[in-house]
Amino acid sequence: MKQPIPQDVAQAAEAALVSALLLNAGATLAAARGLCEPEDFFNLRLRAVWRAALELAERGEPIGAVTLAAEAV
């Protein structure tokens, strides 16, 4: 039986994933795409950023702070 992940641990993991995305989007998406879906995120802002990154990557557009901010609105 799986036990739920504590909320504070989950939010720290979400923040770490998005931070890694900003440092190296290609490597982060290569490692996490398919494992993490936007719906998996508890934090709604980080969910929007992750969704934006996936959409940008799908269109072949660059992923960075500016493009993520514009896409996540």
Protein backbone atom coordinates (compact mmCIF):
# COMPACT_ATOMS: atom_id res chain seq x y z
CA MET A 1 0.00 0.00 0.00
CA LYS A 2 1.44 3.35 -1.05
CA GLN A 3 1.60 6.06 1.54
CA PRO A 4 0.94 9.64 0.47
CA ILE A 5 3.92 11.95 0.28
CA PRO A 6 3.84 14.67 2.96
CA GLN A 7 2.77 18.00 1.49
CA ASP A 8 5.93 19.86 2.52
CA VAL A 9 8.13 17.21 0.87
CA ALA A 10 6.02 17.28 -2.28
CA GLN A 11 6.21 21.06 -2.54
CA ALA A 12 9.98 21.01 -2.02
CA ALA A 13 10.32 18.41 -4.80
CA GLU A 14 8.14 20.49 -7.13
CA ALA A 15 10.22 23.60 -6.46
CA ALA A 16 13.44 21.66 -7.05
CA LEU A 17 12.15 20.31 -10.36
CA VAL A 18 11.19 23.76 -11.63
CA SER A 19 14.53 25.17 -10.42
CA ALA A 20 16.34 22.45 -12.35
CA LEU A 21 14.22 23.32 -15.37
CA LEU A 22 15.47 26.90 -15.24
CA LEU A 23 19.09 25.75 -14.97
CA ASN A 24 18.99 23.14 -17.74
CA ALA A 25 15.63 22.71 -19.42
CA GLY A 26 16.75 20.07 -21.90
CA ALA A 27 18.21 17.71 -19.33
CA THR A 28 15.37 18.23 -16.88
CA LEU A 29 12.69 17.54 -19.46
CA ALA A 30 14.57 14.53 -20.78
CA ALA A 31 14.70 13.05 -17.28
CA ALA A 32 11.24 14.01 -16.02
CA ARG A 33 8.97 14.06 -19.07
CA GLY A 34 6.50 11.24 -18.76
CA LEU A 35 7.17 10.89 -15.05
CA CYS A 36 5.69 14.22 -13.98
CA GLU A 37 2.48 15.56 -15.44
CA PRO A 38 1.16 19.04 -14.62
CA GLU A 39 -1.68 17.45 -12.67
CA ASP A 40 0.88 15.87 -10.33
CA PHE A 41 1.84 19.29 -8.95
CA PHE A 42 0.22 20.48 -5.73
CA ASN A 43 1.40 24.09 -6.13
CA LEU A 44 -0.77 25.67 -8.84
CA ARG A 45 1.89 28.19 -9.90
CA LEU A 46 4.52 25.49 -10.34
CA ARG A 47 1.93 23.39 -12.17
CA ALA A 48 1.44 26.24 -14.64
CA VAL A 49 5.20 26.58 -15.14
CA TRP A 50 5.63 22.85 -15.74
CA ARG A 51 2.71 22.82 -18.19
CA ALA A 52 4.20 25.82 -20.00
CA ALA A 53 7.58 24.09 -20.26
CA LEU A 54 5.99 20.99 -21.76
CA GLU A 55 4.05 23.07 -24.27
CA LEU A 56 7.11 25.11 -25.26
CA ALA A 57 9.17 21.95 -25.69
CA GLU A 58 6.45 20.37 -27.81
CA ARG A 59 6.55 23.38 -30.15
CA GLY A 60 10.35 23.38 -30.21
CA GLU A 61 10.58 26.82 -28.64
CA PRO A 62 13.30 27.86 -26.19
CA ILE A 63 12.59 27.40 -22.49
CA GLY A 64 13.75 30.08 -20.10
CA ALA A 65 12.44 32.43 -17.45
CA VAL A 66 11.00 34.90 -19.98
CA THR A 67 9.32 32.32 -22.22
CA LEU A 68 7.97 30.40 -19.25
CA ALA A 69 6.52 33.54 -17.69
CA ALA A 70 4.86 34.51 -20.95
CA GLU A 71 3.49 31.03 -21.59
CA ALA A 72 2.31 30.33 -18.03
CA VAL A 73 0.02 33.37 -17.88
